PDB file of all heavy atoms in Angstrom:
ATOM      1  N   GLY A   1       0.808  -1.218  -0.012  1.00  0.00           N
ATOM      2  CA  GLY A   1      -0.006  -0.003   0.010  1.00  0.00           C
ATOM      3  C   GLY A   1       0.847   1.264  -0.025  1.00  0.00           C
ATOM      4  O   GLY A   1       1.855   1.384  -0.761  1.00  0.00           O
ATOM      5  N   TYR A   2       0.475   2.204   0.783  1.00  0.00           N
ATOM      6  CA  TYR A   2       1.129   3.448   0.889  1.00  0.00           C
ATOM      7  C   TYR A   2       2.516   3.435   1.458  1.00  0.00           C
ATOM      8  O   TYR A   2       3.352   4.206   1.107  1.00  0.00           O
ATOM      9  CB  TYR A   2       0.278   4.496   1.572  1.00  0.00           C
ATOM     10  CG  TYR A   2      -0.872   4.928   0.785  1.00  0.00           C
ATOM     11  CD1 TYR A   2      -2.114   4.351   0.953  1.00  0.00           C
ATOM     12  CD2 TYR A   2      -0.798   5.885  -0.175  1.00  0.00           C
ATOM     13  CE1 TYR A   2      -3.210   4.697   0.226  1.00  0.00           C
ATOM     14  CE2 TYR A   2      -1.876   6.281  -1.031  1.00  0.00           C
ATOM     15  CZ  TYR A   2      -3.090   5.657  -0.759  1.00  0.00           C
ATOM     16  OH  TYR A   2      -4.114   5.989  -1.570  1.00  0.00           O
ATOM     17  N   GLU A   3       2.813   2.409   2.338  1.00  0.00           N
ATOM     18  CA  GLU A   3       4.151   2.252   2.887  1.00  0.00           C
ATOM     19  C   GLU A   3       5.072   1.762   1.769  1.00  0.00           C
ATOM     20  O   GLU A   3       6.188   2.249   1.710  1.00  0.00           O
ATOM     21  CB  GLU A   3       4.068   1.288   4.030  1.00  0.00           C
ATOM     22  CG  GLU A   3       5.425   0.997   4.700  1.00  0.00           C
ATOM     23  CD  GLU A   3       6.053   2.284   5.277  1.00  0.00           C
ATOM     24  OE1 GLU A   3       5.263   3.171   5.653  1.00  0.00           O
ATOM     25  OE2 GLU A   3       7.259   2.285   5.491  1.00  0.00           O
ATOM     26  N   ALA A   4       4.617   0.901   0.862  1.00  0.00           N
ATOM     27  CA  ALA A   4       5.441   0.474  -0.236  1.00  0.00           C
ATOM     28  C   ALA A   4       5.751   1.618  -1.183  1.00  0.00           C
ATOM     29  O   ALA A   4       6.826   1.719  -1.704  1.00  0.00           O
ATOM     30  CB  ALA A   4       4.717  -0.683  -0.970  1.00  0.00           C
ATOM     31  N   LEU A   5       4.759   2.465  -1.409  1.00  0.00           N
ATOM     32  CA  LEU A   5       4.960   3.616  -2.233  1.00  0.00           C
ATOM     33  C   LEU A   5       6.027   4.524  -1.695  1.00  0.00           C
ATOM     34  O   LEU A   5       6.939   4.963  -2.326  1.00  0.00           O
ATOM     35  CB  LEU A   5       3.634   4.356  -2.433  1.00  0.00           C
ATOM     36  CG  LEU A   5       3.754   5.698  -3.203  1.00  0.00           C
ATOM     37  CD1 LEU A   5       4.160   5.504  -4.658  1.00  0.00           C
ATOM     38  CD2 LEU A   5       2.370   6.393  -3.192  1.00  0.00           C
ATOM     39  N   ARG A   6       5.930   4.778  -0.366  1.00  0.00           N
ATOM     40  CA  ARG A   6       6.949   5.558   0.333  1.00  0.00           C
ATOM     41  C   ARG A   6       8.300   5.013   0.235  1.00  0.00           C
ATOM     42  O   ARG A   6       9.309   5.713  -0.102  1.00  0.00           O
ATOM     43  CB  ARG A   6       6.555   5.792   1.767  1.00  0.00           C
ATOM     44  CG  ARG A   6       7.440   6.748   2.534  1.00  0.00           C
ATOM     45  CD  ARG A   6       7.175   6.744   4.084  1.00  0.00           C
ATOM     46  NE  ARG A   6       7.559   5.421   4.623  1.00  0.00           N
ATOM     47  CZ  ARG A   6       8.835   5.196   4.991  1.00  0.00           C
ATOM     48  NH1 ARG A   6       9.813   6.102   4.830  1.00  0.00           N
ATOM     49  NH2 ARG A   6       9.112   4.020   5.550  1.00  0.00           N
ATOM     50  N   LYS A   7       8.390   3.697   0.457  1.00  0.00           N
ATOM     51  CA  LYS A   7       9.674   2.991   0.412  1.00  0.00           C
ATOM     52  C   LYS A   7      10.272   3.035  -1.036  1.00  0.00           C
ATOM     53  O   LYS A   7      11.487   3.290  -1.244  1.00  0.00           O
ATOM     54  CB  LYS A   7       9.554   1.543   0.845  1.00  0.00           C
ATOM     55  CG  LYS A   7       9.632   1.361   2.378  1.00  0.00           C
ATOM     56  CD  LYS A   7      11.027   1.795   2.908  1.00  0.00           C
ATOM     57  CE  LYS A   7      11.348   1.280   4.237  1.00  0.00           C
ATOM     58  NZ  LYS A   7      11.591  -0.116   4.282  1.00  0.00           N
ATOM     59  N   ARG A   8       9.446   2.750  -1.983  1.00  0.00           N
ATOM     60  CA  ARG A   8       9.954   2.725  -3.378  1.00  0.00           C
ATOM     61  C   ARG A   8      10.488   4.070  -3.831  1.00  0.00           C
ATOM     62  O   ARG A   8      11.547   4.190  -4.500  1.00  0.00           O
ATOM     63  CB  ARG A   8       8.828   2.279  -4.363  1.00  0.00           C
ATOM     64  CG  ARG A   8       8.533   0.720  -4.299  1.00  0.00           C
ATOM     65  CD  ARG A   8       7.554   0.330  -5.352  1.00  0.00           C
ATOM     66  NE  ARG A   8       7.457  -1.099  -5.437  1.00  0.00           N
ATOM     67  CZ  ARG A   8       6.382  -1.804  -4.928  1.00  0.00           C
ATOM     68  NH1 ARG A   8       5.393  -1.183  -4.382  1.00  0.00           N
ATOM     69  NH2 ARG A   8       6.441  -3.100  -5.039  1.00  0.00           N
ATOM     70  N   ARG A   9       9.758   5.108  -3.468  1.00  0.00           N
ATOM     71  CA  ARG A   9      10.234   6.492  -3.782  1.00  0.00           C
ATOM     72  C   ARG A   9      11.603   6.739  -3.089  1.00  0.00           C
ATOM     73  O   ARG A   9      12.532   7.344  -3.691  1.00  0.00           O
ATOM     74  CB  ARG A   9       9.199   7.515  -3.306  1.00  0.00           C
ATOM     75  CG  ARG A   9       8.020   7.595  -4.219  1.00  0.00           C
ATOM     76  CD  ARG A   9       6.901   8.549  -3.619  1.00  0.00           C
ATOM     77  NE  ARG A   9       5.847   8.786  -4.585  1.00  0.00           N
ATOM     78  CZ  ARG A   9       4.690   9.295  -4.208  1.00  0.00           C
ATOM     79  NH1 ARG A   9       4.491   9.604  -2.884  1.00  0.00           N
ATOM     80  NH2 ARG A   9       3.777   9.510  -5.091  1.00  0.00           N
ATOM     81  N   GLY A  10      11.695   6.293  -1.858  1.00  0.00           N
ATOM     82  CA  GLY A  10      13.004   6.509  -1.129  1.00  0.00           C
ATOM     83  C   GLY A  10      14.085   5.794  -1.730  1.00  0.00           C
ATOM     84  O   GLY A  10      15.214   6.261  -1.878  1.00  0.00           O
ATOM     85  N   ILE A  11      13.905   4.551  -2.182  1.00  0.00           N
ATOM     86  CA  ILE A  11      14.987   3.723  -2.815  1.00  0.00           C
ATOM     87  C   ILE A  11      15.351   4.342  -4.139  1.00  0.00           C
ATOM     88  O   ILE A  11      16.549   4.420  -4.494  1.00  0.00           O
ATOM     89  CB  ILE A  11      14.506   2.319  -2.979  1.00  0.00           C
ATOM     90  CG1 ILE A  11      14.288   1.656  -1.613  1.00  0.00           C
ATOM     91  CG2 ILE A  11      15.509   1.451  -3.755  1.00  0.00           C
ATOM     92  CD1 ILE A  11      13.619   0.275  -1.644  1.00  0.00           C
ATOM     93  N   LYS A  12      14.358   4.836  -4.923  1.00  0.00           N
ATOM     94  CA  LYS A  12      14.618   5.312  -6.244  1.00  0.00           C
ATOM     95  C   LYS A  12      15.371   6.688  -6.298  1.00  0.00           C
ATOM     96  O   LYS A  12      15.929   7.038  -7.300  1.00  0.00           O
ATOM     97  CB  LYS A  12      13.313   5.492  -7.065  1.00  0.00           C
ATOM     98  CG  LYS A  12      12.649   4.180  -7.469  1.00  0.00           C
ATOM     99  CD  LYS A  12      13.495   3.439  -8.484  1.00  0.00           C
ATOM    100  CE  LYS A  12      12.737   2.232  -9.059  1.00  0.00           C
ATOM    101  NZ  LYS A  12      13.510   1.564 -10.124  1.00  0.00           N
ATOM    102  N   LYS A  13      15.464   7.308  -5.157  1.00  0.00           N
ATOM    103  CA  LYS A  13      16.291   8.522  -5.003  1.00  0.00           C
ATOM    104  C   LYS A  13      17.802   8.242  -5.146  1.00  0.00           C
ATOM    105  O   LYS A  13      18.594   9.158  -5.385  1.00  0.00           O
ATOM    106  CB  LYS A  13      16.026   9.250  -3.735  1.00  0.00           C
ATOM    107  CG  LYS A  13      14.641   9.896  -3.659  1.00  0.00           C
ATOM    108  CD  LYS A  13      14.376  10.595  -2.312  1.00  0.00           C
ATOM    109  CE  LYS A  13      12.989  11.184  -2.261  1.00  0.00           C
ATOM    110  NZ  LYS A  13      12.695  11.835  -0.872  1.00  0.00           N
ATOM    111  N   PHE A  14      18.125   6.986  -4.890  1.00  0.00           N
ATOM    112  CA  PHE A  14      19.569   6.620  -4.967  1.00  0.00           C
ATOM    113  C   PHE A  14      19.887   6.033  -6.311  1.00  0.00           C
ATOM    114  O   PHE A  14      19.026   5.552  -7.058  1.00  0.00           O
ATOM    115  CB  PHE A  14      19.882   5.627  -3.874  1.00  0.00           C
ATOM    116  CG  PHE A  14      19.747   6.189  -2.500  1.00  0.00           C
ATOM    117  CD1 PHE A  14      18.521   6.129  -1.832  1.00  0.00           C
ATOM    118  CD2 PHE A  14      20.805   6.813  -1.825  1.00  0.00           C
ATOM    119  CE1 PHE A  14      18.422   6.653  -0.507  1.00  0.00           C
ATOM    120  CE2 PHE A  14      20.655   7.307  -0.586  1.00  0.00           C
ATOM    121  CZ  PHE A  14      19.457   7.242   0.118  1.00  0.00           C
ATOM    122  N   ASN A  15      21.135   6.100  -6.706  1.00  0.00           N
ATOM    123  CA  ASN A  15      21.583   5.619  -8.001  1.00  0.00           C
ATOM    124  C   ASN A  15      21.527   4.079  -8.063  1.00  0.00           C
ATOM    125  O   ASN A  15      21.482   3.527  -9.213  1.00  0.00           O
ATOM    126  CB  ASN A  15      23.044   6.104  -8.316  1.00  0.00           C
ATOM    127  CG  ASN A  15      23.130   7.598  -8.473  1.00  0.00           C
ATOM    128  OD1 ASN A  15      22.241   8.218  -9.037  1.00  0.00           O
ATOM    129  ND2 ASN A  15      24.183   8.227  -7.946  1.00  0.00           N
ATOM    130  N   SER A  16      21.602   3.474  -6.934  1.00  0.00           N
ATOM    131  CA  SER A  16      21.627   1.975  -6.942  1.00  0.00           C
ATOM    132  C   SER A  16      21.079   1.509  -5.569  1.00  0.00           C
ATOM    133  O   SER A  16      20.996   2.254  -4.598  1.00  0.00           O
ATOM    134  CB  SER A  16      23.018   1.416  -7.129  1.00  0.00           C
ATOM    135  OG  SER A  16      23.844   1.754  -6.053  1.00  0.00           O
ATOM    136  N   ILE A  17      20.681   0.204  -5.534  1.00  0.00           N
ATOM    137  CA  ILE A  17      20.217  -0.373  -4.255  1.00  0.00           C
ATOM    138  C   ILE A  17      21.364  -0.389  -3.273  1.00  0.00           C
ATOM    139  O   ILE A  17      21.155  -0.201  -2.067  1.00  0.00           O
ATOM    140  CB  ILE A  17      19.753  -1.813  -4.539  1.00  0.00           C
ATOM    141  CG1 ILE A  17      18.357  -1.733  -5.326  1.00  0.00           C
ATOM    142  CG2 ILE A  17      19.529  -2.533  -3.226  1.00  0.00           C
ATOM    143  CD1 ILE A  17      17.795  -3.074  -5.713  1.00  0.00           C
ATOM    144  N   GLU A  18      22.586  -0.555  -3.731  1.00  0.00           N
ATOM    145  CA  GLU A  18      23.793  -0.582  -2.859  1.00  0.00           C
ATOM    146  C   GLU A  18      23.923   0.751  -2.126  1.00  0.00           C
ATOM    147  O   GLU A  18      24.186   0.777  -0.967  1.00  0.00           O
ATOM    148  CB  GLU A  18      25.052  -0.888  -3.634  1.00  0.00           C
ATOM    149  CG  GLU A  18      25.137  -2.315  -4.132  1.00  0.00           C
ATOM    150  CD  GLU A  18      24.267  -2.641  -5.313  1.00  0.00           C
ATOM    151  OE1 GLU A  18      23.746  -1.654  -5.963  1.00  0.00           O
ATOM    152  OE2 GLU A  18      24.010  -3.829  -5.597  1.00  0.00           O
ATOM    153  N   GLU A  19      23.689   1.875  -2.827  1.00  0.00           N
ATOM    154  CA  GLU A  19      23.723   3.150  -2.240  1.00  0.00           C
ATOM    155  C   GLU A  19      22.655   3.353  -1.198  1.00  0.00           C
ATOM    156  O   GLU A  19      22.890   3.885  -0.099  1.00  0.00           O
ATOM    157  CB  GLU A  19      23.663   4.261  -3.287  1.00  0.00           C
ATOM    158  CG  GLU A  19      24.914   4.501  -4.068  1.00  0.00           C
ATOM    159  CD  GLU A  19      24.843   5.747  -4.926  1.00  0.00           C
ATOM    160  OE1 GLU A  19      23.946   6.630  -4.651  1.00  0.00           O
ATOM    161  OE2 GLU A  19      25.658   5.894  -5.760  1.00  0.00           O
ATOM    162  N   TYR A  20      21.479   2.847  -1.506  1.00  0.00           N
ATOM    163  CA  TYR A  20      20.388   2.895  -0.532  1.00  0.00           C
ATOM    164  C   TYR A  20      20.717   2.098   0.707  1.00  0.00           C
ATOM    165  O   TYR A  20      20.516   2.654   1.869  1.00  0.00           O
ATOM    166  CB  TYR A  20      19.108   2.331  -1.193  1.00  0.00           C
ATOM    167  CG  TYR A  20      18.037   2.024  -0.197  1.00  0.00           C
ATOM    168  CD1 TYR A  20      17.317   3.019   0.433  1.00  0.00           C
ATOM    169  CD2 TYR A  20      17.673   0.643   0.085  1.00  0.00           C
ATOM    170  CE1 TYR A  20      16.289   2.710   1.350  1.00  0.00           C
ATOM    171  CE2 TYR A  20      16.669   0.356   0.917  1.00  0.00           C
ATOM    172  CZ  TYR A  20      15.906   1.405   1.604  1.00  0.00           C
ATOM    173  OH  TYR A  20      14.979   1.107   2.467  1.00  0.00           O
ATOM    174  N   VAL A  21      21.269   0.926   0.579  1.00  0.00           N
ATOM    175  CA  VAL A  21      21.639   0.107   1.800  1.00  0.00           C
ATOM    176  C   VAL A  21      22.772   0.825   2.558  1.00  0.00           C
ATOM    177  O   VAL A  21      22.775   0.831   3.759  1.00  0.00           O
ATOM    178  CB  VAL A  21      22.018  -1.313   1.340  1.00  0.00           C
ATOM    179  CG1 VAL A  21      22.491  -2.055   2.556  1.00  0.00           C
ATOM    180  CG2 VAL A  21      20.909  -2.018   0.624  1.00  0.00           C
ATOM    181  N   GLU A  22      23.694   1.413   1.898  1.00  0.00           N
ATOM    182  CA  GLU A  22      24.810   2.126   2.534  1.00  0.00           C
ATOM    183  C   GLU A  22      24.254   3.309   3.398  1.00  0.00           C
ATOM    184  O   GLU A  22      24.723   3.560   4.442  1.00  0.00           O
ATOM    185  CB  GLU A  22      25.833   2.627   1.537  1.00  0.00           C
ATOM    186  CG  GLU A  22      26.682   1.496   0.926  1.00  0.00           C
ATOM    187  CD  GLU A  22      27.649   2.063  -0.198  1.00  0.00           C
ATOM    188  OE1 GLU A  22      27.645   3.321  -0.317  1.00  0.00           O
ATOM    189  OE2 GLU A  22      28.251   1.245  -0.851  1.00  0.00           O
ATOM    190  N   ASP A  23      23.274   3.946   2.806  1.00  0.00           N
ATOM    191  CA  ASP A  23      22.601   5.093   3.480  1.00  0.00           C
ATOM    192  C   ASP A  23      21.941   4.648   4.794  1.00  0.00           C
ATOM    193  O   ASP A  23      22.114   5.196   5.836  1.00  0.00           O
ATOM    194  CB  ASP A  23      21.605   5.795   2.574  1.00  0.00           C
ATOM    195  CG  ASP A  23      21.006   6.989   3.255  1.00  0.00           C
ATOM    196  OD1 ASP A  23      21.733   8.002   3.360  1.00  0.00           O
ATOM    197  OD2 ASP A  23      19.818   6.916   3.620  1.00  0.00           O
ATOM    198  N   ARG A  24      21.259   3.498   4.662  1.00  0.00           N
ATOM    199  CA  ARG A  24      20.617   2.915   5.886  1.00  0.00           C
ATOM    200  C   ARG A  24      21.678   2.571   6.911  1.00  0.00           C
ATOM    201  O   ARG A  24      21.454   2.770   8.120  1.00  0.00           O
ATOM    202  CB  ARG A  24      19.803   1.697   5.539  1.00  0.00           C
ATOM    203  CG  ARG A  24      18.535   1.978   4.750  1.00  0.00           C
ATOM    204  CD  ARG A  24      17.594   0.809   4.817  1.00  0.00           C
ATOM    205  NE  ARG A  24      16.963   0.679   6.092  1.00  0.00           N
ATOM    206  CZ  ARG A  24      16.014  -0.135   6.453  1.00  0.00           C
ATOM    207  NH1 ARG A  24      15.526  -1.040   5.546  1.00  0.00           N
ATOM    208  NH2 ARG A  24      15.486  -0.270   7.699  1.00  0.00           N
ATOM    209  N   ASP A  25      22.741   1.998   6.466  1.00  0.00           N
ATOM    210  CA  ASP A  25      23.770   1.604   7.366  1.00  0.00           C
ATOM    211  C   ASP A  25      24.433   2.763   8.102  1.00  0.00           C
ATOM    212  O   ASP A  25      24.712   2.692   9.303  1.00  0.00           O
ATOM    213  CB  ASP A  25      24.918   0.851   6.521  1.00  0.00           C
ATOM    214  CG  ASP A  25      25.869   0.038   7.399  1.00  0.00           C
ATOM    215  OD1 ASP A  25      25.547  -1.082   7.759  1.00  0.00           O
ATOM    216  OD2 ASP A  25      26.927   0.633   7.787  1.00  0.00           O
ATOM    217  N   GLU A  26      24.586   3.916   7.349  1.00  0.00           N
ATOM    218  CA  GLU A  26      25.151   5.105   7.971  1.00  0.00           C
ATOM    219  C   GLU A  26      24.177   5.724   8.965  1.00  0.00           C
ATOM    220  O   GLU A  26      24.651   6.296  10.004  1.00  0.00           O
ATOM    221  CB  GLU A  26      25.475   6.083   6.929  1.00  0.00           C
ATOM    222  CG  GLU A  26      26.644   5.685   6.027  1.00  0.00           C
ATOM    223  CD  GLU A  26      26.851   6.676   4.859  1.00  0.00           C
ATOM    224  OE1 GLU A  26      26.150   7.644   4.797  1.00  0.00           O
ATOM    225  OE2 GLU A  26      27.771   6.420   4.081  1.00  0.00           O
ATOM    226  N   LYS A  27      22.945   5.643   8.702  1.00  0.00           N
ATOM    227  CA  LYS A  27      21.951   6.260   9.615  1.00  0.00           C
ATOM    228  C   LYS A  27      21.646   5.374  10.833  1.00  0.00           C
ATOM    229  O   LYS A  27      21.071   5.881  11.820  1.00  0.00           O
ATOM    230  CB  LYS A  27      20.605   6.485   8.819  1.00  0.00           C
ATOM    231  CG  LYS A  27      20.674   7.579   7.794  1.00  0.00           C
ATOM    232  CD  LYS A  27      19.360   7.731   7.067  1.00  0.00           C
ATOM    233  CE  LYS A  27      19.476   8.873   6.052  1.00  0.00           C
ATOM    234  NZ  LYS A  27      18.228   8.995   5.198  1.00  0.00           N
TER     235      LYS A  27
END
C-alpha cells in the first residue's frame, strides 16, 4: 500500500540499491 509507495520512492532517489543500503547503514 502506501508504505510500499513511500519506500519505493525513497529507494529510487539513490543511484543503486547498494547506495540505498549504505545510506541505511550510515543512519
